Amino acid sequence: MNKLKEENRLQFVKAPHLFEDDEDDTDTLELSLHDLLEAYNKVKSRVSITEESYVVVQREVYTKEEAVIFIASKFKDRKSLKMTELLTFDEPRSKVVQVFITILVYQSKSLSYYAHR
């Protein structure tokens, strides 16, 4: 435990405790640009990235039209389905999201139709 504390002490810089809890919070706090830059540099020094890091996000395309065809095929001979019968959740995330969105849009149009009758 002491070793971990020592490693953390070397890695993290604690902010100075210039403002204690017993001070009156109604006073206006004045900071100069220098104070803000100094605080920014202290925070920045806590984070060290030794190499550039990138995140690559693959675009998964599953269109509304594909979702409509998929849903229609599932409901071809059925009037209702359980969610587990509609999706296995082994599908790509984009497919699951697009199917949900398509169902929600369809439901909102149905509700809107009945509300205006």
PDB file of N, CA and C in Angstrom:
ATOM      1  N   MET A   1       0.824  -1.187   0.000  1.00  0.00           N
ATOM      2  CA  MET A   1       0.000   0.000   0.000  1.00  0.00           C
ATOM      3  C   MET A   1       0.874   1.258   0.000  1.00  0.00           C
ATOM      4  N   ASN A   2       1.916   1.230   0.815  1.00  0.00           N
ATOM      5  CA  ASN A   2       2.814   2.388   0.852  1.00  0.00           C
ATOM      6  C   ASN A   2       3.517   2.582  -0.479  1.00  0.00           C
ATOM      7  N   LYS A   3       3.853   1.480  -1.133  1.00  0.00           N
ATOM      8  CA  LYS A   3       4.505   1.569  -2.441  1.00  0.00           C
ATOM      9  C   LYS A   3       3.563   2.231  -3.447  1.00  0.00           C
ATOM     10  N   LEU A   4       2.287   1.849  -3.415  1.00  0.00           N
ATOM     11  CA  LEU A   4       1.291   2.430  -4.309  1.00  0.00           C
ATOM     12  C   LEU A   4       1.118   3.924  -4.032  1.00  0.00           C
ATOM     13  N   LYS A   5       1.091   4.303  -2.756  1.00  0.00           N
ATOM     14  CA  LYS A   5       0.980   5.723  -2.388  1.00  0.00           C
ATOM     15  C   LYS A   5       2.177   6.511  -2.909  1.00  0.00           C
ATOM     16  N   GLU A   6       3.347   5.924  -2.779  1.00  0.00           N
ATOM     17  CA  GLU A   6       4.561   6.597  -3.240  1.00  0.00           C
ATOM     18  C   GLU A   6       4.549   6.761  -4.765  1.00  0.00           C
ATOM     19  N   GLU A   7       4.118   5.712  -5.481  1.00  0.00           N
ATOM     20  CA  GLU A   7       4.024   5.811  -6.938  1.00  0.00           C
ATOM     21  C   GLU A   7       3.021   6.886  -7.347  1.00  0.00           C
ATOM     22  N   ASN A   8       1.887   6.934  -6.663  1.00  0.00           N
ATOM     23  CA  ASN A   8       0.879   7.956  -6.958  1.00  0.00           C
ATOM     24  C   ASN A   8       1.392   9.359  -6.649  1.00  0.00           C
ATOM     25  N   ARG A   9       2.178   9.483  -5.568  1.00  0.00           N
ATOM     26  CA  ARG A   9       2.730  10.784  -5.203  1.00  0.00           C
ATOM     27  C   ARG A   9       3.659  11.300  -6.293  1.00  0.00           C
ATOM     28  N   LEU A  10       4.417  10.381  -6.904  1.00  0.00           N
ATOM     29  CA  LEU A  10       5.329  10.771  -7.965  1.00  0.00           C
ATOM     30  C   LEU A  10       4.594  11.065  -9.275  1.00  0.00           C
ATOM     31  N   GLN A  11       3.466  10.408  -9.481  1.00  0.00           N
ATOM     32  CA  GLN A  11       2.744  10.552 -10.746  1.00  0.00           C
ATOM     33  C   GLN A  11       1.753  11.714 -10.725  1.00  0.00           C
ATOM     34  N   PHE A  12       1.085  11.934  -9.620  1.00  0.00           N
ATOM     35  CA  PHE A  12       0.043  12.956  -9.541  1.00  0.00           C
ATOM     36  C   PHE A  12       0.509  14.146  -8.724  1.00  0.00           C
ATOM     37  N   VAL A  13       0.112  15.311  -9.169  1.00  0.00           N
ATOM     38  CA  VAL A  13       0.436  16.542  -8.451  1.00  0.00           C
ATOM     39  C   VAL A  13      -0.828  17.010  -7.767  1.00  0.00           C
ATOM     40  N   LYS A  14      -0.771  17.186  -6.460  1.00  0.00           N
ATOM     41  CA  LYS A  14      -1.947  17.656  -5.734  1.00  0.00           C
ATOM     42  C   LYS A  14      -2.037  19.165  -5.846  1.00  0.00           C
ATOM     43  N   ALA A  15      -3.266  19.629  -5.995  1.00  0.00           N
ATOM     44  CA  ALA A  15      -3.496  21.071  -6.071  1.00  0.00           C
ATOM     45  C   ALA A  15      -3.228  21.691  -4.699  1.00  0.00           C
ATOM     46  N   PRO A  16      -2.656  22.885  -4.676  1.00  0.00           N
ATOM     47  CA  PRO A  16      -2.433  23.545  -3.390  1.00  0.00           C
ATOM     48  C   PRO A  16      -3.771  23.911  -2.760  1.00  0.00           C
ATOM     49  N   HIS A  17      -3.803  23.900  -1.445  1.00  0.00           N
ATOM     50  CA  HIS A  17      -5.030  24.194  -0.721  1.00  0.00           C
ATOM     51  C   HIS A  17      -5.004  25.643  -0.237  1.00  0.00           C
ATOM     52  N   LEU A  18      -5.142  26.572  -1.190  1.00  0.00           N
ATOM     53  CA  LEU A  18      -5.126  27.983  -0.836  1.00  0.00           C
ATOM     54  C   LEU A  18      -6.446  28.426  -0.223  1.00  0.00           C
ATOM     55  N   PHE A  19      -7.513  27.767  -0.608  1.00  0.00           N
ATOM     56  CA  PHE A  19      -8.835  28.176  -0.140  1.00  0.00           C
ATOM     57  C   PHE A  19      -9.385  27.098   0.779  1.00  0.00           C
ATOM     58  N   GLU A  20      -9.555  27.442   2.024  1.00  0.00           N
ATOM     59  CA  GLU A  20     -10.050  26.484   3.004  1.00  0.00           C
ATOM     60  C   GLU A  20     -11.561  26.615   3.128  1.00  0.00           C
ATOM     61  N   ASP A  21     -12.205  25.586   3.663  1.00  0.00           N
ATOM     62  CA  ASP A  21     -13.659  25.566   3.787  1.00  0.00           C
ATOM     63  C   ASP A  21     -14.203  26.605   4.754  1.00  0.00           C
ATOM     64  N   ASP A  22     -13.384  27.049   5.708  1.00  0.00           N
ATOM     65  CA  ASP A  22     -13.883  27.995   6.700  1.00  0.00           C
ATOM     66  C   ASP A  22     -13.936  29.429   6.180  1.00  0.00           C
ATOM     67  N   GLU A  23     -13.499  29.665   4.955  1.00  0.00           N
ATOM     68  CA  GLU A  23     -13.566  31.010   4.399  1.00  0.00           C
ATOM     69  C   GLU A  23     -14.996  31.336   3.995  1.00  0.00           C
ATOM     70  N   ASP A  24     -15.292  32.599   3.935  1.00  0.00           N
ATOM     71  CA  ASP A  24     -16.610  33.066   3.555  1.00  0.00           C
ATOM     72  C   ASP A  24     -16.759  32.951   2.042  1.00  0.00           C
ATOM     73  N   ASP A  25     -17.759  32.191   1.578  1.00  0.00           N
ATOM     74  CA  ASP A  25     -17.963  31.974   0.152  1.00  0.00           C
ATOM     75  C   ASP A  25     -18.633  33.153  -0.543  1.00  0.00           C
ATOM     76  N   THR A  26     -19.047  34.145   0.208  1.00  0.00           N
ATOM     77  CA  THR A  26     -19.719  35.288  -0.415  1.00  0.00           C
ATOM     78  C   THR A  26     -18.727  36.269  -1.014  1.00  0.00           C
ATOM     79  N   ASP A  27     -17.449  36.159  -0.670  1.00  0.00           N
ATOM     80  CA  ASP A  27     -16.439  37.049  -1.243  1.00  0.00           C
ATOM     81  C   ASP A  27     -16.233  36.724  -2.719  1.00  0.00           C
ATOM     82  N   THR A  28     -15.924  37.725  -3.498  1.00  0.00           N
ATOM     83  CA  THR A  28     -15.657  37.536  -4.910  1.00  0.00           C
ATOM     84  C   THR A  28     -14.272  36.941  -5.078  1.00  0.00           C
ATOM     85  N   LEU A  29     -14.192  35.920  -5.895  1.00  0.00           N
ATOM     86  CA  LEU A  29     -12.920  35.280  -6.178  1.00  0.00           C
ATOM     87  C   LEU A  29     -12.324  35.955  -7.401  1.00  0.00           C
ATOM     88  N   GLU A  30     -11.120  36.475  -7.254  1.00  0.00           N
ATOM     89  CA  GLU A  30     -10.468  37.149  -8.370  1.00  0.00           C
ATOM     90  C   GLU A  30      -9.264  36.333  -8.796  1.00  0.00           C
ATOM     91  N   LEU A  31      -9.212  36.055 -10.087  1.00  0.00           N
ATOM     92  CA  LEU A  31      -8.098  35.310 -10.652  1.00  0.00           C
ATOM     93  C   LEU A  31      -7.553  36.089 -11.835  1.00  0.00           C
ATOM     94  N   SER A  32      -6.247  36.078 -11.935  1.00  0.00           N
ATOM     95  CA  SER A  32      -5.638  36.738 -13.080  1.00  0.00           C
ATOM     96  C   SER A  32      -5.441  35.717 -14.191  1.00  0.00           C
ATOM     97  N   LEU A  33      -5.146  36.189 -15.366  1.00  0.00           N
ATOM     98  CA  LEU A  33      -4.839  35.307 -16.477  1.00  0.00           C
ATOM     99  C   LEU A  33      -3.643  34.425 -16.121  1.00  0.00           C
ATOM    100  N   HIS A  34      -2.680  34.994 -15.410  1.00  0.00           N
ATOM    101  CA  HIS A  34      -1.503  34.236 -14.970  1.00  0.00           C
ATOM    102  C   HIS A  34      -1.929  33.070 -14.072  1.00  0.00           C
ATOM    103  N   ASP A  35      -2.873  33.311 -13.147  1.00  0.00           N
ATOM    104  CA  ASP A  35      -3.357  32.242 -12.262  1.00  0.00           C
ATOM    105  C   ASP A  35      -4.000  31.115 -13.066  1.00  0.00           C
ATOM    106  N   LEU A  36      -4.810  31.492 -14.052  1.00  0.00           N
ATOM    107  CA  LEU A  36      -5.483  30.488 -14.871  1.00  0.00           C
ATOM    108  C   LEU A  36      -4.490  29.682 -15.703  1.00  0.00           C
ATOM    109  N   LEU A  37      -3.500  30.369 -16.284  1.00  0.00           N
ATOM    110  CA  LEU A  37      -2.493  29.666 -17.070  1.00  0.00           C
ATOM    111  C   LEU A  37      -1.655  28.730 -16.199  1.00  0.00           C
ATOM    112  N   GLU A  38      -1.350  29.174 -15.013  1.00  0.00           N
ATOM    113  CA  GLU A  38      -0.584  28.341 -14.085  1.00  0.00           C
ATOM    114  C   GLU A  38      -1.386  27.101 -13.696  1.00  0.00           C
ATOM    115  N   ALA A  39      -2.663  27.262 -13.426  1.00  0.00           N
ATOM    116  CA  ALA A  39      -3.515  26.123 -13.083  1.00  0.00           C
ATOM    117  C   ALA A  39      -3.630  25.166 -14.268  1.00  0.00           C
ATOM    118  N   TYR A  40      -3.786  25.715 -15.470  1.00  0.00           N
ATOM    119  CA  TYR A  40      -3.858  24.886 -16.677  1.00  0.00           C
ATOM    120  C   TYR A  40      -2.581  24.070 -16.848  1.00  0.00           C
ATOM    121  N   ASN A  41      -1.428  24.705 -16.666  1.00  0.00           N
ATOM    122  CA  ASN A  41      -0.158  23.995 -16.822  1.00  0.00           C
ATOM    123  C   ASN A  41       0.019  22.902 -15.774  1.00  0.00           C
ATOM    124  N   LYS A  42      -0.484  23.121 -14.558  1.00  0.00           N
ATOM    125  CA  LYS A  42      -0.400  22.079 -13.530  1.00  0.00           C
ATOM    126  C   LYS A  42      -1.247  20.872 -13.923  1.00  0.00           C
ATOM    127  N   VAL A  43      -2.447  21.137 -14.417  1.00  0.00           N
ATOM    128  CA  VAL A  43      -3.318  20.037 -14.852  1.00  0.00           C
ATOM    129  C   VAL A  43      -2.691  19.322 -16.036  1.00  0.00           C
ATOM    130  N   LYS A  44      -2.187  20.097 -16.979  1.00  0.00           N
ATOM    131  CA  LYS A  44      -1.571  19.520 -18.174  1.00  0.00           C
ATOM    132  C   LYS A  44      -0.368  18.651 -17.796  1.00  0.00           C
ATOM    133  N   SER A  45       0.371  19.031 -16.780  1.00  0.00           N
ATOM    134  CA  SER A  45       1.548  18.259 -16.383  1.00  0.00           C
ATOM    135  C   SER A  45       1.179  16.924 -15.742  1.00  0.00           C
ATOM    136  N   ARG A  46      -0.055  16.807 -15.268  1.00  0.00           N
ATOM    137  CA  ARG A  46      -0.497  15.544 -14.670  1.00  0.00           C
ATOM    138  C   ARG A  46      -0.715  14.472 -15.732  1.00  0.00           C
ATOM    139  N   VAL A  47      -1.027  14.895 -16.931  1.00  0.00           N
ATOM    140  CA  VAL A  47      -1.312  13.967 -18.012  1.00  0.00           C
ATOM    141  C   VAL A  47      -0.109  13.932 -18.934  1.00  0.00           C
ATOM    142  N   SER A  48       0.447  12.748 -19.079  1.00  0.00           N
ATOM    143  CA  SER A  48       1.582  12.648 -19.994  1.00  0.00           C
ATOM    144  C   SER A  48       1.298  11.572 -21.026  1.00  0.00           C
ATOM    145  N   ILE A  49       1.349  11.976 -22.257  1.00  0.00           N
ATOM    146  CA  ILE A  49       1.185  11.038 -23.363  1.00  0.00           C
ATOM    147  C   ILE A  49       2.529  10.973 -24.065  1.00  0.00           C
ATOM    148  N   THR A  50       3.119   9.789 -24.032  1.00  0.00           N
ATOM    149  CA  THR A  50       4.450   9.650 -24.596  1.00  0.00           C
ATOM    150  C   THR A  50       4.424   9.454 -26.107  1.00  0.00           C
ATOM    151  N   GLU A  51       3.301   9.030 -26.636  1.00  0.00           N
ATOM    152  CA  GLU A  51       3.192   8.854 -28.076  1.00  0.00           C
ATOM    153  C   GLU A  51       1.803   9.301 -28.511  1.00  0.00           C
ATOM    154  N   GLU A  52       1.686   9.628 -29.770  1.00  0.00           N
ATOM    155  CA  GLU A  52       0.395  10.060 -30.278  1.00  0.00           C
ATOM    156  C   GLU A  52      -0.586   8.902 -30.233  1.00  0.00           C
ATOM    157  N   SER A  53      -1.821   9.203 -29.884  1.00  0.00           N
ATOM    158  CA  SER A  53      -2.827   8.147 -29.836  1.00  0.00           C
ATOM    159  C   SER A  53      -3.961   8.486 -30.791  1.00  0.00           C
ATOM    160  N   TYR A  54      -4.450   7.482 -31.438  1.00  0.00           N
ATOM    161  CA  TYR A  54      -5.530   7.634 -32.407  1.00  0.00           C
ATOM    162  C   TYR A  54      -6.606   6.603 -32.111  1.00  0.00           C
ATOM    163  N   VAL A  55      -7.812   6.974 -32.415  1.00  0.00           N
ATOM    164  CA  VAL A  55      -8.926   6.043 -32.327  1.00  0.00           C
ATOM    165  C   VAL A  55      -9.517   5.936 -33.726  1.00  0.00           C
ATOM    166  N   VAL A  56      -9.604   4.731 -34.214  1.00  0.00           N
ATOM    167  CA  VAL A  56     -10.158   4.500 -35.541  1.00  0.00           C
ATOM    168  C   VAL A  56     -11.560   3.934 -35.366  1.00  0.00           C
ATOM    169  N   VAL A  57     -12.527   4.598 -35.958  1.00  0.00           N
ATOM    170  CA  VAL A  57     -13.913   4.157 -35.879  1.00  0.00           C
ATOM    171  C   VAL A  57     -14.347   3.752 -37.276  1.00  0.00           C
ATOM    172  N   GLN A  58     -14.742   2.515 -37.411  1.00  0.00           N
ATOM    173  CA  GLN A  58     -15.228   2.025 -38.689  1.00  0.00           C
ATOM    174  C   GLN A  58     -16.688   2.431 -38.846  1.00  0.00           C
ATOM    175  N   ARG A  59     -17.037   2.921 -39.996  1.00  0.00           N
ATOM    176  CA  ARG A  59     -18.416   3.280 -40.249  1.00  0.00           C
ATOM    177  C   ARG A  59     -19.162   2.036 -40.705  1.00  0.00           C
ATOM    178  N   GLU A  60     -20.185   1.681 -39.953  1.00  0.00           N
ATOM    179  CA  GLU A  60     -21.018   0.546 -40.308  1.00  0.00           C
ATOM    180  C   GLU A  60     -22.287   1.109 -40.937  1.00  0.00           C
ATOM    181  N   VAL A  61     -22.539   0.741 -42.152  1.00  0.00           N
ATOM    182  CA  VAL A  61     -23.690   1.295 -42.851  1.00  0.00           C
ATOM    183  C   VAL A  61     -24.792   0.245 -42.915  1.00  0.00           C
ATOM    184  N   TYR A  62     -25.906   0.566 -42.322  1.00  0.00           N
ATOM    185  CA  TYR A  62     -27.115  -0.244 -42.436  1.00  0.00           C
ATOM    186  C   TYR A  62     -28.237   0.749 -42.633  1.00  0.00           C
ATOM    187  N   THR A  63     -28.811   0.749 -43.807  1.00  0.00           N
ATOM    188  CA  THR A  63     -29.741   1.803 -44.181  1.00  0.00           C
ATOM    189  C   THR A  63     -31.149   1.558 -43.651  1.00  0.00           C
ATOM    190  N   LYS A  64     -31.937   2.619 -43.707  1.00  0.00           N
ATOM    191  CA  LYS A  64     -33.347   2.544 -43.321  1.00  0.00           C
ATOM    192  C   LYS A  64     -34.068   1.554 -44.225  1.00  0.00           C
ATOM    193  N   GLU A  65     -33.757   1.593 -45.510  1.00  0.00           N
ATOM    194  CA  GLU A  65     -34.398   0.692 -46.468  1.00  0.00           C
ATOM    195  C   GLU A  65     -34.100  -0.767 -46.126  1.00  0.00           C
ATOM    196  N   GLU A  66     -32.857  -1.057 -45.767  1.00  0.00           N
ATOM    197  CA  GLU A  66     -32.495  -2.419 -45.372  1.00  0.00           C
ATOM    198  C   GLU A  66     -33.246  -2.836 -44.113  1.00  0.00           C
ATOM    199  N   ALA A  67     -33.413  -1.908 -43.182  1.00  0.00           N
ATOM    200  CA  ALA A  67     -34.150  -2.203 -41.954  1.00  0.00           C
ATOM    201  C   ALA A  67     -35.620  -2.487 -42.254  1.00  0.00           C
ATOM    202  N   VAL A  68     -36.218  -1.705 -43.148  1.00  0.00           N
ATOM    203  CA  VAL A  68     -37.620  -1.921 -43.522  1.00  0.00           C
ATOM    204  C   VAL A  68     -37.789  -3.303 -44.150  1.00  0.00           C
ATOM    205  N   ILE A  69     -36.903  -3.662 -45.064  1.00  0.00           N
ATOM    206  CA  ILE A  69     -36.961  -4.982 -45.705  1.00  0.00           C
ATOM    207  C   ILE A  69     -36.781  -6.090 -44.669  1.00  0.00           C
ATOM    208  N   PHE A  70     -35.822  -5.899 -43.747  1.00  0.00           N
ATOM    209  CA  PHE A  70     -35.569  -6.887 -42.697  1.00  0.00           C
ATOM    210  C   PHE A  70     -36.793  -7.069 -41.816  1.00  0.00           C
ATOM    211  N   ILE A  71     -37.387  -5.972 -41.370  1.00  0.00           N
ATOM    212  CA  ILE A  71     -38.564  -6.033 -40.489  1.00  0.00           C
ATOM    213  C   ILE A  71     -39.737  -6.673 -41.230  1.00  0.00           C
ATOM    214  N   ALA A  72     -39.955  -6.287 -42.484  1.00  0.00           N
ATOM    215  CA  ALA A  72     -41.052  -6.854 -43.272  1.00  0.00           C
ATOM    216  C   ALA A  72     -40.881  -8.362 -43.437  1.00  0.00           C
ATOM    217  N   SER A  73     -39.641  -8.804 -43.644  1.00  0.00           N
ATOM    218  CA  SER A  73     -39.418 -10.247 -43.810  1.00  0.00           C
ATOM    219  C   SER A  73     -39.691 -11.008 -42.514  1.00  0.00           C
ATOM    220  N   LYS A  74     -39.364 -10.394 -41.385  1.00  0.00           N
ATOM    221  CA  LYS A  74     -39.613 -11.039 -40.093  1.00  0.00           C
ATOM    222  C   LYS A  74     -41.109 -11.113 -39.785  1.00  0.00           C
ATOM    223  N   PHE A  75     -41.875 -10.096 -40.219  1.00  0.00           N
ATOM    224  CA  PHE A  75     -43.309 -10.047 -39.948  1.00  0.00           C
ATOM    225  C   PHE A  75     -44.136 -10.619 -41.109  1.00  0.00           C
ATOM    226  N   LYS A  76     -43.491 -11.263 -42.065  1.00  0.00           N
ATOM    227  CA  LYS A  76     -44.167 -11.736 -43.282  1.00  0.00           C
ATOM    228  C   LYS A  76     -45.431 -12.539 -42.960  1.00  0.00           C
ATOM    229  N   ASP A  77     -45.335 -13.521 -42.122  1.00  0.00           N
ATOM    230  CA  ASP A  77     -46.477 -14.373 -41.780  1.00  0.00           C
ATOM    231  C   ASP A  77     -46.889 -14.224 -40.314  1.00  0.00           C
ATOM    232  N   ARG A  78     -46.505 -13.129 -39.671  1.00  0.00           N
ATOM    233  CA  ARG A  78     -46.770 -12.942 -38.236  1.00  0.00           C
ATOM    234  C   ARG A  78     -47.349 -11.565 -37.985  1.00  0.00           C
ATOM    235  N   LYS A  79     -48.136 -11.468 -36.929  1.00  0.00           N
ATOM    236  CA  LYS A  79     -48.679 -10.165 -36.538  1.00  0.00           C
ATOM    237  C   LYS A  79     -47.910  -9.570 -35.362  1.00  0.00           C
ATOM    238  N   SER A  80     -47.190 -10.413 -34.638  1.00  0.00           N
ATOM    239  CA  SER A  80     -46.389  -9.928 -33.518  1.00  0.00           C
ATOM    240  C   SER A  80     -45.143 -10.801 -33.370  1.00  0.00           C
ATOM    241  N   LEU A  81     -44.139 -10.200 -32.797  1.00  0.00           N
ATOM    242  CA  LEU A  81     -42.869 -10.892 -32.549  1.00  0.00           C
ATOM    243  C   LEU A  81     -42.309 -10.428 -31.213  1.00  0.00           C
ATOM    244  N   LYS A  82     -41.643 -11.320 -30.527  1.00  0.00           N
ATOM    245  CA  LYS A  82     -40.867 -10.927 -29.361  1.00  0.00           C
ATOM    246  C   LYS A  82     -39.582 -10.289 -29.871  1.00  0.00           C
ATOM    247  N   MET A  83     -39.000  -9.447 -29.090  1.00  0.00           N
ATOM    248  CA  MET A  83     -37.766  -8.788 -29.509  1.00  0.00           C
ATOM    249  C   MET A  83     -36.671  -9.809 -29.791  1.00  0.00           C
ATOM    250  N   THR A  84     -36.654 -10.896 -29.031  1.00  0.00           N
ATOM    251  CA  THR A  84     -35.635 -11.932 -29.253  1.00  0.00           C
ATOM    252  C   THR A  84     -35.881 -12.717 -30.532  1.00  0.00           C
ATOM    253  N   GLU A  85     -37.127 -12.673 -31.046  1.00  0.00           N
ATOM    254  CA  GLU A  85     -37.405 -13.296 -32.337  1.00  0.00           C
ATOM    255  C   GLU A  85     -37.039 -12.361 -33.486  1.00  0.00           C
ATOM    256  N   LEU A  86     -37.079 -11.081 -33.210  1.00  0.00           N
ATOM    257  CA  LEU A  86     -36.743 -10.092 -34.231  1.00  0.00           C
ATOM    258  C   LEU A  86     -35.230  -9.950 -34.380  1.00  0.00           C
ATOM    259  N   LEU A  87     -34.547  -9.841 -33.248  1.00  0.00           N
ATOM    260  CA  LEU A  87     -33.089  -9.653 -33.257  1.00  0.00           C
ATOM    261  C   LEU A  87     -32.433 -10.662 -32.329  1.00  0.00           C
ATOM    262  N   THR A  88     -31.290 -11.148 -32.741  1.00  0.00           N
ATOM    263  CA  THR A  88     -30.535 -12.065 -31.873  1.00  0.00           C
ATOM    264  C   THR A  88     -29.490 -11.307 -31.064  1.00  0.00           C
ATOM    265  N   PHE A  89     -29.254 -10.063 -31.432  1.00  0.00           N
ATOM    266  CA  PHE A  89     -28.245  -9.198 -30.824  1.00  0.00           C
ATOM    267  C   PHE A  89     -26.824  -9.689 -31.091  1.00  0.00           C
ATOM    268  N   ASP A  90     -26.700 -10.563 -32.081  1.00  0.00           N
ATOM    269  CA  ASP A  90     -25.385 -10.897 -32.628  1.00  0.00           C
ATOM    270  C   ASP A  90     -25.136 -10.060 -33.875  1.00  0.00           C
ATOM    271  N   GLU A  91     -26.162  -9.295 -34.252  1.00  0.00           N
ATOM    272  CA  GLU A  91     -26.061  -8.441 -35.425  1.00  0.00           C
ATOM    273  C   GLU A  91     -25.122  -7.270 -35.136  1.00  0.00           C
ATOM    274  N   PRO A  92     -24.638  -6.635 -36.177  1.00  0.00           N
ATOM    275  CA  PRO A  92     -23.836  -5.425 -35.967  1.00  0.00           C
ATOM    276  C   PRO A  92     -24.667  -4.361 -35.251  1.00  0.00           C
ATOM    277  N   ARG A  93     -24.011  -3.571 -34.450  1.00  0.00           N
ATOM    278  CA  ARG A  93     -24.685  -2.529 -33.680  1.00  0.00           C
ATOM    279  C   ARG A  93     -25.484  -1.596 -34.585  1.00  0.00           C
ATOM    280  N   SER A  94     -24.932  -1.267 -35.744  1.00  0.00           N
ATOM    281  CA  SER A  94     -25.630  -0.349 -36.649  1.00  0.00           C
ATOM    282  C   SER A  94     -26.962  -0.931 -37.114  1.00  0.00           C
ATOM    283  N   LYS A  95     -27.009  -2.237 -37.302  1.00  0.00           N
ATOM    284  CA  LYS A  95     -28.268  -2.877 -37.704  1.00  0.00           C
ATOM    285  C   LYS A  95     -29.289  -2.809 -36.579  1.00  0.00           C
ATOM    286  N   VAL A  96     -28.870  -3.135 -35.367  1.00  0.00           N
ATOM    287  CA  VAL A  96     -29.779  -3.095 -34.213  1.00  0.00           C
ATOM    288  C   VAL A  96     -30.325  -1.682 -34.021  1.00  0.00           C
ATOM    289  N   VAL A  97     -29.442  -0.697 -34.093  1.00  0.00           N
ATOM    290  CA  VAL A  97     -29.863   0.699 -33.914  1.00  0.00           C
ATOM    291  C   VAL A  97     -30.834   1.105 -35.010  1.00  0.00           C
ATOM    292  N   GLN A  98     -30.518   0.794 -36.261  1.00  0.00           N
ATOM    293  CA  GLN A  98     -31.391   1.201 -37.370  1.00  0.00           C
ATOM    294  C   GLN A  98     -32.740   0.499 -37.297  1.00  0.00           C
ATOM    295  N   VAL A  99     -32.765  -0.761 -36.897  1.00  0.00           N
ATOM    296  CA  VAL A  99     -34.042  -1.470 -36.757  1.00  0.00           C
ATOM    297  C   VAL A  99     -34.882  -0.813 -35.660  1.00  0.00           C
ATOM    298  N   PHE A 100     -34.276  -0.487 -34.527  1.00  0.00           N
ATOM    299  CA  PHE A 100     -35.009   0.193 -33.454  1.00  0.00           C
ATOM    300  C   PHE A 100     -35.535   1.538 -33.927  1.00  0.00           C
ATOM    301  N   ILE A 101     -34.700   2.313 -34.592  1.00  0.00           N
ATOM    302  CA  ILE A 101     -35.129   3.621 -35.073  1.00  0.00           C
ATOM    303  C   ILE A 101     -36.287   3.469 -36.052  1.00  0.00           C
ATOM    304  N   THR A 102     -36.195   2.516 -36.949  1.00  0.00           N
ATOM    305  CA  THR A 102     -37.256   2.291 -37.931  1.00  0.00           C
ATOM    306  C   THR A 102     -38.563   1.914 -37.242  1.00  0.00           C
ATOM    307  N   ILE A 103     -38.494   1.053 -36.247  1.00  0.00           N
ATOM    308  CA  ILE A 103     -39.695   0.675 -35.495  1.00  0.00           C
ATOM    309  C   ILE A 103     -40.270   1.890 -34.762  1.00  0.00           C
ATOM    310  N   LEU A 104     -39.408   2.693 -34.142  1.00  0.00           N
ATOM    311  CA  LEU A 104     -39.885   3.876 -33.423  1.00  0.00           C
ATOM    312  C   LEU A 104     -40.549   4.878 -34.362  1.00  0.00           C
ATOM    313  N   VAL A 105     -39.954   5.092 -35.523  1.00  0.00           N
ATOM    314  CA  VAL A 105     -40.548   6.009 -36.498  1.00  0.00           C
ATOM    315  C   VAL A 105     -41.908   5.480 -36.943  1.00  0.00           C
ATOM    316  N   TYR A 106     -41.984   4.192 -37.226  1.00  0.00           N
ATOM    317  CA  TYR A 106     -43.244   3.582 -37.634  1.00  0.00           C
ATOM    318  C   TYR A 106     -44.301   3.754 -36.541  1.00  0.00           C
ATOM    319  N   GLN A 107     -43.908   3.497 -35.294  1.00  0.00           N
ATOM    320  CA  GLN A 107     -44.839   3.629 -34.167  1.00  0.00           C
ATOM    321  C   GLN A 107     -45.295   5.071 -33.985  1.00  0.00           C
ATOM    322  N   SER A 108     -44.363   6.009 -34.116  1.00  0.00           N
ATOM    323  CA  SER A 108     -44.746   7.417 -33.939  1.00  0.00           C
ATOM    324  C   SER A 108     -45.695   7.859 -35.046  1.00  0.00           C
ATOM    325  N   LYS A 109     -45.508   7.354 -36.265  1.00  0.00           N
ATOM    326  CA  LYS A 109     -46.431   7.682 -37.364  1.00  0.00           C
ATOM    327  C   LYS A 109     -47.793   7.075 -37.094  1.00  0.00           C
ATOM    328  N   SER A 110     -47.821   5.846 -36.557  1.00  0.00           N
ATOM    329  CA  SER A 110     -49.097   5.198 -36.226  1.00  0.00           C
ATOM    330  C   SER A 110     -49.829   5.953 -35.134  1.00  0.00           C
ATOM    331  N   LEU A 111     -49.105   6.365 -34.111  1.00  0.00           N
ATOM    332  CA  LEU A 111     -49.720   7.119 -33.018  1.00  0.00           C
ATOM    333  C   LEU A 111     -50.234   8.466 -33.519  1.00  0.00           C
ATOM    334  N   SER A 112     -49.454   9.106 -34.383  1.00  0.00           N
ATOM    335  CA  SER A 112     -49.855  10.386 -34.941  1.00  0.00           C
ATOM    336  C   SER A 112     -51.123  10.221 -35.787  1.00  0.00           C
ATOM    337  N   TYR A 113     -51.207   9.145 -36.555  1.00  0.00           N
ATOM    338  CA  TYR A 113     -52.374   8.868 -37.395  1.00  0.00           C
ATOM    339  C   TYR A 113     -53.622   8.733 -36.528  1.00  0.00           C
ATOM    340  N   TYR A 114     -53.527   7.947 -35.443  1.00  0.00           N
ATOM    341  CA  TYR A 114     -54.680   7.717 -34.582  1.00  0.00           C
ATOM    342  C   TYR A 114     -55.030   8.956 -33.768  1.00  0.00           C
ATOM    343  N   ALA A 115     -54.060   9.775 -33.473  1.00  0.00           N
ATOM    344  CA  ALA A 115     -54.327  11.003 -32.711  1.00  0.00           C
ATOM    345  C   ALA A 115     -55.095  12.017 -33.535  1.00  0.00           C
ATOM    346  N   HIS A 116     -54.918  11.996 -34.844  1.00  0.00           N
ATOM    347  CA  HIS A 116     -55.568  12.974 -35.720  1.00  0.00           C
ATOM    348  C   HIS A 116     -56.862  12.454 -36.322  1.00  0.00           C
ATOM    349  N   ARG A 117     -57.309  11.263 -35.973  1.00  0.00           N
ATOM    350  CA  ARG A 117     -58.566  10.712 -36.501  1.00  0.00           C
ATOM    351  C   ARG A 117     -59.746  11.251 -35.785  1.00  0.00           C
TER     352      ARG A 117
END
